Amino acid sequence: MKIIDIIKSEKPTLSMEVFPPKTTDNFEVVRIATEKIAVQSPDFMSVTYGAGGGTSQFTADIAGNLQDKYDVPVLAHLTCVSSSKEQIHAQLELLKSKGIENILALRGDMPEGMERDHLDYHYASELIREIKEFGGFCIGGACYPESHPESANSIEDIKHLKEKVDAGCEFLTTQMFFDNNLLYNFIYRARKAGIDVPVVAGIMPVTNPKSIKRICRISGSALPQRFIRIVDRYGDNPEAMKQAGIAYATEQIIDLYANGVRAVHVYSMNKPDVAQKIIENVSAIIK
C-alpha cells in the first residue's frame, strides 16, 4: 500500500520508525524487536538505512519481513551521498523484488574525507528524480522544522525543499522537534512557498538523556527549557525518565492532532514498550 494513500485519509495516523542491525550477529534481536512493534498495528513502519548502504540488505530484509508477515505497510529509507548510481539501482531492484512500494529518499551524511566532486549524488532531489524515473515507488523526503543544519537560513532551506517536491517527492517527514510551534511555523512557510504535499510530524520520545545532546547536535534540534528541566530532574532515574519522556511525547502528539496535523511518525528506537505506551495513550484519538 502506498504511504501517500494512508496519510491522505481523514483518520489521524500514527506510524513507527525502526532501524536494522549493523551486523548479522544482531539480526535476530532486531527482528524480534521490530516484530513486537508491528503486532501493535501502526499505520505503517519505516526502516532506516545505514551510512554508505552498510545495512542495505538488512533494511530490505526487515522491511520485507514486516510487510509479508504482519501486513504492515513499510517505508524503506534510502540514502545516496556515498553510493554510486549502480548501487542505488541495485537497491531499487532489491526493494522492488520484495514488493516494497515506498521509499524515503535521503541524501545522508557526508562521509569524512570524501570529496564532493567525486560523488554521483550531491542532493536528495537528485535521488528523488532518479527513483521517479525508475518508477513504481511512492517517494517521501525529509524536512527540518528548524531548517537543515547546513542551510544558510530558512529561506534557502525552503527553496531546497521545494526542489525535492518538484523532483517528485509526494510527502515529507520531519526531523524530530520538541516544540510544536516550530512545526506550525514551518508548515506555514512551506505552504506559502507552494509546497503543498502532506507533512508527517516526527516525534522522538526521549528515554535516554545521555544520547539526546548528541542527537540534537547532529539534527540541529533545539531543546526547550521545559524539556531541559524534565531531563535535569529525572535524567538520573531511568524509569522516571522513560515515563516523563513518553508523557512529553504524548502531549506533543495530542496537540498536533488537535491542531490539524493528521500524520505523526514516532522514532521508536526499536523499543516495543515505548511504542506500545504511545499507542495506548492516543488509542481513542486515532481510532
C-alpha atoms as a PDB file:
ATOM      1  CA  MET A   1       0.000   0.000   0.000  1.00  0.00           C
ATOM      2  CA  LYS A   2       1.264   3.459  -0.868  1.00  0.00           C
ATOM      3  CA  ILE A   3       2.054   5.700   2.117  1.00  0.00           C
ATOM      4  CA  ILE A   4       0.538   8.726   0.420  1.00  0.00           C
ATOM      5  CA  ASP A   5      -2.859   6.995   0.403  1.00  0.00           C
ATOM      6  CA  ILE A   6      -2.569   6.270   4.132  1.00  0.00           C
ATOM      7  CA  ILE A   7      -1.644   9.773   5.250  1.00  0.00           C
ATOM      8  CA  LYS A   8      -4.140  11.492   2.956  1.00  0.00           C
ATOM      9  CA  SER A   9      -7.049   9.806   4.706  1.00  0.00           C
ATOM     10  CA  GLU A  10      -9.189  11.794   7.142  1.00  0.00           C
ATOM     11  CA  LYS A  11      -8.237   9.460  10.000  1.00  0.00           C
ATOM     12  CA  PRO A  12      -5.259  10.508  12.151  1.00  0.00           C
ATOM     13  CA  THR A  13      -2.326   8.172  11.544  1.00  0.00           C
ATOM     14  CA  LEU A  14       0.435   7.001  13.858  1.00  0.00           C
ATOM     15  CA  SER A  15       3.492   5.270  12.402  1.00  0.00           C
ATOM     16  CA  MET A  16       6.769   3.974  13.814  1.00  0.00           C
ATOM     17  CA  GLU A  17      10.412   4.095  12.716  1.00  0.00           C
ATOM     18  CA  VAL A  18      12.757   1.170  13.381  1.00  0.00           C
ATOM     19  CA  PHE A  19      16.363   0.569  12.400  1.00  0.00           C
ATOM     20  CA  PRO A  20      18.083  -2.567  11.067  1.00  0.00           C
ATOM     21  CA  PRO A  21      21.048  -4.260  12.783  1.00  0.00           C
ATOM     22  CA  LYS A  22      24.581  -3.151  11.993  1.00  0.00           C
ATOM     23  CA  THR A  23      25.849  -6.724  11.895  1.00  0.00           C
ATOM     24  CA  THR A  24      24.468 -10.190  11.188  1.00  0.00           C
ATOM     25  CA  ASP A  25      25.023 -11.150  14.829  1.00  0.00           C
ATOM     26  CA  ASN A  26      22.325  -8.720  15.965  1.00  0.00           C
ATOM     27  CA  PHE A  27      19.809  -9.504  13.236  1.00  0.00           C
ATOM     28  CA  GLU A  28      17.546 -11.777  15.300  1.00  0.00           C
ATOM     29  CA  VAL A  29      17.430  -9.378  18.242  1.00  0.00           C
ATOM     30  CA  VAL A  30      16.406  -6.511  15.969  1.00  0.00           C
ATOM     31  CA  ARG A  31      13.942  -8.646  14.014  1.00  0.00           C
ATOM     32  CA  ILE A  32      12.153  -9.648  17.214  1.00  0.00           C
ATOM     33  CA  ALA A  33      12.022  -6.030  18.459  1.00  0.00           C
ATOM     34  CA  THR A  34      10.589  -4.761  15.168  1.00  0.00           C
ATOM     35  CA  GLU A  35       8.022  -7.560  15.104  1.00  0.00           C
ATOM     36  CA  LYS A  36       6.878  -6.658  18.619  1.00  0.00           C
ATOM     37  CA  ILE A  37       6.192  -3.158  17.331  1.00  0.00           C
ATOM     38  CA  ALA A  38       4.469  -4.461  14.202  1.00  0.00           C
ATOM     39  CA  VAL A  39       1.921  -6.507  16.189  1.00  0.00           C
ATOM     40  CA  GLN A  40       0.692  -3.234  17.702  1.00  0.00           C
ATOM     41  CA  SER A  41      -0.630  -2.337  14.220  1.00  0.00           C
ATOM     42  CA  PRO A  42       0.893   1.076  13.488  1.00  0.00           C
ATOM     43  CA  ASP A  43      -0.420   2.621  10.282  1.00  0.00           C
ATOM     44  CA  PHE A  44       2.983   1.993   8.691  1.00  0.00           C
ATOM     45  CA  MET A  45       6.597   1.410   9.697  1.00  0.00           C
ATOM     46  CA  SER A  46       9.765   2.914   8.277  1.00  0.00           C
ATOM     47  CA  VAL A  47      13.115   1.135   8.264  1.00  0.00           C
ATOM     48  CA  THR A  48      16.292   3.211   8.241  1.00  0.00           C
ATOM     49  CA  TYR A  49      19.347   2.763   6.026  1.00  0.00           C
ATOM     50  CA  GLY A  50      22.940   2.843   7.238  1.00  0.00           C
ATOM     51  CA  ALA A  51      25.537   5.322   6.037  1.00  0.00           C
ATOM     52  CA  GLY A  52      27.099   4.162   2.813  1.00  0.00           C
ATOM     53  CA  GLY A  53      24.455   1.495   2.409  1.00  0.00           C
ATOM     54  CA  GLY A  54      26.121  -0.612   5.089  1.00  0.00           C
ATOM     55  CA  THR A  55      22.782  -2.080   6.167  1.00  0.00           C
ATOM     56  CA  SER A  56      21.088  -2.062   2.764  1.00  0.00           C
ATOM     57  CA  GLN A  57      20.378  -5.790   2.719  1.00  0.00           C
ATOM     58  CA  PHE A  58      19.191  -5.686   6.340  1.00  0.00           C
ATOM     59  CA  THR A  59      16.902  -2.735   5.559  1.00  0.00           C
ATOM     60  CA  ALA A  60      15.251  -4.674   2.756  1.00  0.00           C
ATOM     61  CA  ASP A  61      15.050  -7.872   4.826  1.00  0.00           C
ATOM     62  CA  ILE A  62      13.495  -6.210   7.875  1.00  0.00           C
ATOM     63  CA  ALA A  63      11.059  -4.186   5.762  1.00  0.00           C
ATOM     64  CA  GLY A  64      10.068  -7.204   3.689  1.00  0.00           C
ATOM     65  CA  ASN A  65       9.535  -9.327   6.793  1.00  0.00           C
ATOM     66  CA  LEU A  66       7.273  -6.741   8.448  1.00  0.00           C
ATOM     67  CA  GLN A  67       5.190  -6.336   5.312  1.00  0.00           C
ATOM     68  CA  ASP A  68       4.879 -10.034   4.482  1.00  0.00           C
ATOM     69  CA  LYS A  69       4.423 -11.422   8.000  1.00  0.00           C
ATOM     70  CA  TYR A  70       2.354  -8.676   9.613  1.00  0.00           C
ATOM     71  CA  ASP A  71       0.730  -6.939   6.647  1.00  0.00           C
ATOM     72  CA  VAL A  72       2.109  -3.586   7.843  1.00  0.00           C
ATOM     73  CA  PRO A  73       2.857  -1.104   5.046  1.00  0.00           C
ATOM     74  CA  VAL A  74       6.566  -0.287   5.064  1.00  0.00           C
ATOM     75  CA  LEU A  75       8.672   2.698   4.097  1.00  0.00           C
ATOM     76  CA  ALA A  76      12.280   1.832   3.273  1.00  0.00           C
ATOM     77  CA  HIS A  77      14.881   4.560   3.758  1.00  0.00           C
ATOM     78  CA  LEU A  78      17.448   5.041   1.010  1.00  0.00           C
ATOM     79  CA  THR A  79      20.474   7.350   1.216  1.00  0.00           C
ATOM     80  CA  CYS A  80      22.575   8.295  -1.763  1.00  0.00           C
ATOM     81  CA  VAL A  81      25.522  10.562  -0.981  1.00  0.00           C
ATOM     82  CA  SER A  82      28.082   7.768  -0.597  1.00  0.00           C
ATOM     83  CA  SER A  83      26.539   5.421  -3.167  1.00  0.00           C
ATOM     84  CA  SER A  84      27.147   5.023  -6.875  1.00  0.00           C
ATOM     85  CA  LYS A  85      24.307   5.041  -9.395  1.00  0.00           C
ATOM     86  CA  GLU A  86      24.851   1.322  -9.855  1.00  0.00           C
ATOM     87  CA  GLN A  87      24.436   0.710  -6.114  1.00  0.00           C
ATOM     88  CA  ILE A  88      21.261   2.781  -5.989  1.00  0.00           C
ATOM     89  CA  HIS A  89      19.724   0.932  -8.918  1.00  0.00           C
ATOM     90  CA  ALA A  90      20.657  -2.403  -7.341  1.00  0.00           C
ATOM     91  CA  GLN A  91      18.899  -1.362  -4.128  1.00  0.00           C
ATOM     92  CA  LEU A  92      15.819  -0.237  -6.063  1.00  0.00           C
ATOM     93  CA  GLU A  93      15.685  -3.612  -7.775  1.00  0.00           C
ATOM     94  CA  LEU A  94      16.059  -5.364  -4.411  1.00  0.00           C
ATOM     95  CA  LEU A  95      13.229  -3.372  -2.839  1.00  0.00           C
ATOM     96  CA  LYS A  96      11.031  -3.952  -5.864  1.00  0.00           C
ATOM     97  CA  SER A  97      11.690  -7.711  -5.701  1.00  0.00           C
ATOM     98  CA  LYS A  98      10.424  -7.724  -2.097  1.00  0.00           C
ATOM     99  CA  GLY A  99       7.224  -5.928  -3.028  1.00  0.00           C
ATOM    100  CA  ILE A 100       8.163  -2.724  -1.214  1.00  0.00           C
ATOM    101  CA  GLU A 101       6.353   0.264  -2.702  1.00  0.00           C
ATOM    102  CA  ASN A 102       7.537   3.182  -0.556  1.00  0.00           C
ATOM    103  CA  ILE A 103      10.924   4.882  -0.222  1.00  0.00           C
ATOM    104  CA  LEU A 104      12.102   7.741   1.974  1.00  0.00           C
ATOM    105  CA  ALA A 105      14.771   9.328  -0.221  1.00  0.00           C
ATOM    106  CA  LEU A 106      17.604  10.953   1.727  1.00  0.00           C
ATOM    107  CA  ARG A 107      20.956  12.472   0.940  1.00  0.00           C
ATOM    108  CA  GLY A 108      22.583  11.001   4.038  1.00  0.00           C
ATOM    109  CA  ASP A 109      25.601  12.211   5.986  1.00  0.00           C
ATOM    110  CA  MET A 110      28.670  13.195   4.020  1.00  0.00           C
ATOM    111  CA  PRO A 111      31.442  10.621   4.606  1.00  0.00           C
ATOM    112  CA  GLU A 112      34.599  12.037   6.152  1.00  0.00           C
ATOM    113  CA  GLY A 113      37.399  12.579   3.682  1.00  0.00           C
ATOM    114  CA  MET A 114      35.209  12.147   0.610  1.00  0.00           C
ATOM    115  CA  GLU A 115      35.369  14.971  -1.923  1.00  0.00           C
ATOM    116  CA  ARG A 116      32.025  16.235  -3.208  1.00  0.00           C
ATOM    117  CA  ASP A 117      33.313  16.406  -6.786  1.00  0.00           C
ATOM    118  CA  HIS A 118      33.689  12.637  -6.862  1.00  0.00           C
ATOM    119  CA  LEU A 119      30.111  11.852  -5.812  1.00  0.00           C
ATOM    120  CA  ASP A 120      27.359  10.566  -8.114  1.00  0.00           C
ATOM    121  CA  TYR A 121      24.781  12.276  -5.893  1.00  0.00           C
ATOM    122  CA  HIS A 122      25.029  15.584  -4.063  1.00  0.00           C
ATOM    123  CA  TYR A 123      21.426  16.244  -3.026  1.00  0.00           C
ATOM    124  CA  ALA A 124      18.341  14.249  -2.127  1.00  0.00           C
ATOM    125  CA  SER A 125      16.483  15.884  -5.029  1.00  0.00           C
ATOM    126  CA  GLU A 126      18.786  14.029  -7.445  1.00  0.00           C
ATOM    127  CA  LEU A 127      17.914  10.709  -5.816  1.00  0.00           C
ATOM    128  CA  ILE A 128      14.202  11.539  -5.835  1.00  0.00           C
ATOM    129  CA  ARG A 129      14.337  12.316  -9.540  1.00  0.00           C
ATOM    130  CA  GLU A 130      16.096   9.028 -10.240  1.00  0.00           C
ATOM    131  CA  ILE A 131      13.598   6.976  -8.219  1.00  0.00           C
ATOM    132  CA  LYS A 132      10.787   8.748 -10.028  1.00  0.00           C
ATOM    133  CA  GLU A 133      12.297   7.782 -13.388  1.00  0.00           C
ATOM    134  CA  PHE A 134      12.762   4.193 -12.162  1.00  0.00           C
ATOM    135  CA  GLY A 135       9.042   4.088 -11.415  1.00  0.00           C
ATOM    136  CA  GLY A 136       6.745   2.111  -9.147  1.00  0.00           C
ATOM    137  CA  PHE A 137       7.539   3.767  -5.805  1.00  0.00           C
ATOM    138  CA  CYS A 138       5.773   6.295  -3.612  1.00  0.00           C
ATOM    139  CA  ILE A 139       8.552   8.735  -2.659  1.00  0.00           C
ATOM    140  CA  GLY A 140       8.912  10.618   0.597  1.00  0.00           C
ATOM    141  CA  GLY A 141      11.524  13.137   1.657  1.00  0.00           C
ATOM    142  CA  ALA A 142      12.872  14.659   4.859  1.00  0.00           C
ATOM    143  CA  CYS A 143      12.366  18.176   6.138  1.00  0.00           C
ATOM    144  CA  TYR A 144      13.637  20.201   9.082  1.00  0.00           C
ATOM    145  CA  PRO A 145      11.231  22.451  11.035  1.00  0.00           C
ATOM    146  CA  GLU A 146      14.275  24.303  12.378  1.00  0.00           C
ATOM    147  CA  SER A 147      15.997  24.321   8.949  1.00  0.00           C
ATOM    148  CA  HIS A 148      18.667  21.896   7.786  1.00  0.00           C
ATOM    149  CA  PRO A 149      21.905  22.363   9.790  1.00  0.00           C
ATOM    150  CA  GLU A 150      23.814  23.045   6.559  1.00  0.00           C
ATOM    151  CA  SER A 151      21.374  25.665   5.220  1.00  0.00           C
ATOM    152  CA  ALA A 152      22.440  29.292   5.402  1.00  0.00           C
ATOM    153  CA  ASN A 153      18.949  30.348   6.508  1.00  0.00           C
ATOM    154  CA  SER A 154      15.308  29.253   6.482  1.00  0.00           C
ATOM    155  CA  ILE A 155      14.651  30.843   3.080  1.00  0.00           C
ATOM    156  CA  GLU A 156      17.388  28.765   1.436  1.00  0.00           C
ATOM    157  CA  ASP A 157      16.159  25.674   3.262  1.00  0.00           C
ATOM    158  CA  ILE A 158      12.593  26.073   1.957  1.00  0.00           C
ATOM    159  CA  LYS A 159      13.971  26.667  -1.547  1.00  0.00           C
ATOM    160  CA  HIS A 160      15.833  23.346  -1.489  1.00  0.00           C
ATOM    161  CA  LEU A 161      12.774  21.626  -0.044  1.00  0.00           C
ATOM    162  CA  LYS A 162      10.698  22.896  -2.952  1.00  0.00           C
ATOM    163  CA  GLU A 163      13.261  21.346  -5.313  1.00  0.00           C
ATOM    164  CA  LYS A 164      12.631  17.952  -3.688  1.00  0.00           C
ATOM    165  CA  VAL A 165       8.888  18.284  -4.164  1.00  0.00           C
ATOM    166  CA  ASP A 166       9.295  19.423  -7.761  1.00  0.00           C
ATOM    167  CA  ALA A 167      11.527  16.393  -8.389  1.00  0.00           C
ATOM    168  CA  GLY A 168       8.727  14.009  -7.362  1.00  0.00           C
ATOM    169  CA  CYS A 169       8.584  13.891  -3.548  1.00  0.00           C
ATOM    170  CA  GLU A 170       4.972  13.078  -2.547  1.00  0.00           C
ATOM    171  CA  PHE A 171       5.162  13.665   1.206  1.00  0.00           C
ATOM    172  CA  LEU A 172       7.613  14.985   3.788  1.00  0.00           C
ATOM    173  CA  THR A 173       8.610  13.601   7.178  1.00  0.00           C
ATOM    174  CA  THR A 174      10.132  15.998   9.678  1.00  0.00           C
ATOM    175  CA  GLN A 175      13.233  15.651  11.737  1.00  0.00           C
ATOM    176  CA  MET A 176      12.377  15.364  15.427  1.00  0.00           C
ATOM    177  CA  PHE A 177      11.375  18.535  17.237  1.00  0.00           C
ATOM    178  CA  PHE A 178      10.367  19.286  20.818  1.00  0.00           C
ATOM    179  CA  ASP A 179       8.333  22.462  20.397  1.00  0.00           C
ATOM    180  CA  ASN A 180       5.208  22.122  18.255  1.00  0.00           C
ATOM    181  CA  ASN A 181       5.181  25.837  17.441  1.00  0.00           C
ATOM    182  CA  LEU A 182       8.309  25.233  15.359  1.00  0.00           C
ATOM    183  CA  LEU A 183       6.358  22.813  13.184  1.00  0.00           C
ATOM    184  CA  TYR A 184       3.342  25.078  12.826  1.00  0.00           C
ATOM    185  CA  ASN A 185       5.574  27.959  11.717  1.00  0.00           C
ATOM    186  CA  PHE A 186       7.437  25.670   9.322  1.00  0.00           C
ATOM    187  CA  ILE A 187       4.229  24.409   7.699  1.00  0.00           C
ATOM    188  CA  TYR A 188       3.019  27.985   7.233  1.00  0.00           C
ATOM    189  CA  ARG A 189       6.283  28.942   5.488  1.00  0.00           C
ATOM    190  CA  ALA A 190       6.247  25.796   3.356  1.00  0.00           C
ATOM    191  CA  ARG A 191       2.673  26.350   2.193  1.00  0.00           C
ATOM    192  CA  LYS A 192       3.451  29.987   1.426  1.00  0.00           C
ATOM    193  CA  ALA A 193       6.320  28.778  -0.805  1.00  0.00           C
ATOM    194  CA  GLY A 194       3.979  26.494  -2.751  1.00  0.00           C
ATOM    195  CA  ILE A 195       4.889  23.232  -1.004  1.00  0.00           C
ATOM    196  CA  ASP A 196       1.520  21.525  -0.715  1.00  0.00           C
ATOM    197  CA  VAL A 197       2.432  17.865  -0.060  1.00  0.00           C
ATOM    198  CA  PRO A 198       1.447  16.271   3.292  1.00  0.00           C
ATOM    199  CA  VAL A 199       3.833  16.799   6.196  1.00  0.00           C
ATOM    200  CA  VAL A 200       4.315  13.932   8.653  1.00  0.00           C
ATOM    201  CA  ALA A 201       5.428  15.114  12.096  1.00  0.00           C
ATOM    202  CA  GLY A 202       8.417  13.222  13.529  1.00  0.00           C
ATOM    203  CA  ILE A 203       8.352  12.785  17.307  1.00  0.00           C
ATOM    204  CA  MET A 204      11.028  11.171  19.472  1.00  0.00           C
ATOM    205  CA  PRO A 205      10.136  10.004  22.994  1.00  0.00           C
ATOM    206  CA  VAL A 206      13.344  10.692  24.909  1.00  0.00           C
ATOM    207  CA  THR A 207      14.033   7.870  27.346  1.00  0.00           C
ATOM    208  CA  ASN A 208      17.841   8.089  27.381  1.00  0.00           C
ATOM    209  CA  PRO A 209      19.073  11.597  28.251  1.00  0.00           C
ATOM    210  CA  LYS A 210      22.704  10.658  27.595  1.00  0.00           C
ATOM    211  CA  SER A 211      22.117  10.450  23.853  1.00  0.00           C
ATOM    212  CA  ILE A 212      19.845  13.441  23.395  1.00  0.00           C
ATOM    213  CA  LYS A 213      22.572  16.116  23.268  1.00  0.00           C
ATOM    214  CA  ARG A 214      24.451  14.220  20.558  1.00  0.00           C
ATOM    215  CA  ILE A 215      21.254  13.678  18.561  1.00  0.00           C
ATOM    216  CA  CYS A 216      20.318  17.350  18.822  1.00  0.00           C
ATOM    217  CA  ARG A 217      23.787  18.427  17.738  1.00  0.00           C
ATOM    218  CA  ILE A 218      23.561  16.280  14.602  1.00  0.00           C
ATOM    219  CA  SER A 219      19.970  17.165  13.743  1.00  0.00           C
ATOM    220  CA  GLY A 220      20.029  20.826  14.705  1.00  0.00           C
ATOM    221  CA  SER A 221      17.034  20.344  17.025  1.00  0.00           C
ATOM    222  CA  ALA A 222      16.730  22.697  19.984  1.00  0.00           C
ATOM    223  CA  LEU A 223      15.600  21.646  23.438  1.00  0.00           C
ATOM    224  CA  PRO A 224      13.000  23.916  25.087  1.00  0.00           C
ATOM    225  CA  GLN A 225      13.658  24.921  28.673  1.00  0.00           C
ATOM    226  CA  ARG A 226      10.572  22.981  29.716  1.00  0.00           C
ATOM    227  CA  PHE A 227      12.086  19.800  28.353  1.00  0.00           C
ATOM    228  CA  ILE A 228      15.554  20.548  29.731  1.00  0.00           C
ATOM    229  CA  ARG A 229      14.038  20.819  33.211  1.00  0.00           C
ATOM    230  CA  ILE A 230      12.500  17.367  32.789  1.00  0.00           C
ATOM    231  CA  VAL A 231      15.857  15.873  31.807  1.00  0.00           C
ATOM    232  CA  ASP A 232      17.635  17.661  34.662  1.00  0.00           C
ATOM    233  CA  ARG A 233      15.073  16.408  37.175  1.00  0.00           C
ATOM    234  CA  TYR A 234      14.638  12.807  36.017  1.00  0.00           C
ATOM    235  CA  GLY A 235      17.731  12.067  33.933  1.00  0.00           C
ATOM    236  CA  ASP A 236      19.406  10.030  36.676  1.00  0.00           C
ATOM    237  CA  ASN A 237      16.319   7.873  37.229  1.00  0.00           C
ATOM    238  CA  PRO A 238      15.842   5.615  34.167  1.00  0.00           C
ATOM    239  CA  GLU A 239      12.260   4.583  34.941  1.00  0.00           C
ATOM    240  CA  ALA A 240      11.163   8.113  35.798  1.00  0.00           C
ATOM    241  CA  MET A 241      12.889   9.482  32.692  1.00  0.00           C
ATOM    242  CA  LYS A 242      11.177   6.912  30.491  1.00  0.00           C
ATOM    243  CA  GLN A 243       7.779   7.799  31.936  1.00  0.00           C
ATOM    244  CA  ALA A 244       8.423  11.529  31.623  1.00  0.00           C
ATOM    245  CA  GLY A 245       9.768  11.183  28.064  1.00  0.00           C
ATOM    246  CA  ILE A 246       6.735   9.200  26.949  1.00  0.00           C
ATOM    247  CA  ALA A 247       4.392  11.688  28.635  1.00  0.00           C
ATOM    248  CA  TYR A 248       6.104  14.642  26.925  1.00  0.00           C
ATOM    249  CA  ALA A 249       5.922  12.945  23.513  1.00  0.00           C
ATOM    250  CA  THR A 250       2.274  12.006  24.075  1.00  0.00           C
ATOM    251  CA  GLU A 251       1.408  15.592  24.902  1.00  0.00           C
ATOM    252  CA  GLN A 252       3.104  16.743  21.708  1.00  0.00           C
ATOM    253  CA  ILE A 253       1.221  14.185  19.628  1.00  0.00           C
ATOM    254  CA  ILE A 254      -2.179  15.072  21.088  1.00  0.00           C
ATOM    255  CA  ASP A 255      -1.532  18.768  20.477  1.00  0.00           C
ATOM    256  CA  LEU A 256      -0.525  18.029  16.874  1.00  0.00           C
ATOM    257  CA  TYR A 257      -3.728  16.092  16.194  1.00  0.00           C
ATOM    258  CA  ALA A 258      -5.807  18.794  17.864  1.00  0.00           C
ATOM    259  CA  ASN A 259      -4.249  21.407  15.581  1.00  0.00           C
ATOM    260  CA  GLY A 260      -4.958  19.555  12.362  1.00  0.00           C
ATOM    261  CA  VAL A 261      -1.718  17.597  11.846  1.00  0.00           C
ATOM    262  CA  ARG A 262      -3.100  14.202  10.854  1.00  0.00           C
ATOM    263  CA  ALA A 263       0.096  12.157  10.467  1.00  0.00           C
ATOM    264  CA  VAL A 264       2.620  11.518  13.254  1.00  0.00           C
ATOM    265  CA  HIS A 265       5.729   9.349  12.944  1.00  0.00           C
ATOM    266  CA  VAL A 266       7.392   8.126  16.161  1.00  0.00           C
ATOM    267  CA  TYR A 267      11.126   7.459  16.290  1.00  0.00           C
ATOM    268  CA  SER A 268      10.752   4.325  18.404  1.00  0.00           C
ATOM    269  CA  MET A 269      14.472   3.458  18.668  1.00  0.00           C
ATOM    270  CA  ASN A 270      13.406  -0.217  18.390  1.00  0.00           C
ATOM    271  CA  LYS A 271      11.743  -0.089  21.825  1.00  0.00           C
ATOM    272  CA  PRO A 272       8.450  -2.040  21.721  1.00  0.00           C
ATOM    273  CA  ASP A 273       7.417  -0.962  25.224  1.00  0.00           C
ATOM    274  CA  VAL A 274       7.767   2.723  24.325  1.00  0.00           C
ATOM    275  CA  ALA A 275       5.842   2.242  21.073  1.00  0.00           C
ATOM    276  CA  GLN A 276       3.095   0.346  22.880  1.00  0.00           C
ATOM    277  CA  LYS A 277       2.684   3.010  25.550  1.00  0.00           C
ATOM    278  CA  ILE A 278       2.464   5.809  22.978  1.00  0.00           C
ATOM    279  CA  ILE A 279      -0.166   3.890  21.002  1.00  0.00           C
ATOM    280  CA  GLU A 280      -2.164   3.184  24.171  1.00  0.00           C
ATOM    281  CA  ASN A 281      -2.019   6.841  25.218  1.00  0.00           C
ATOM    282  CA  VAL A 282      -3.677   8.032  21.990  1.00  0.00           C
ATOM    283  CA  SER A 283      -5.747   4.937  21.131  1.00  0.00           C
ATOM    284  CA  ALA A 284      -9.139   6.639  21.418  1.00  0.00           C
ATOM    285  CA  ILE A 285      -7.908   9.661  19.450  1.00  0.00           C
ATOM    286  CA  ILE A 286      -6.670   7.762  16.397  1.00  0.00           C
ATOM    287  CA  LYS A 287      -9.320   5.041  16.132  1.00  0.00           C
END
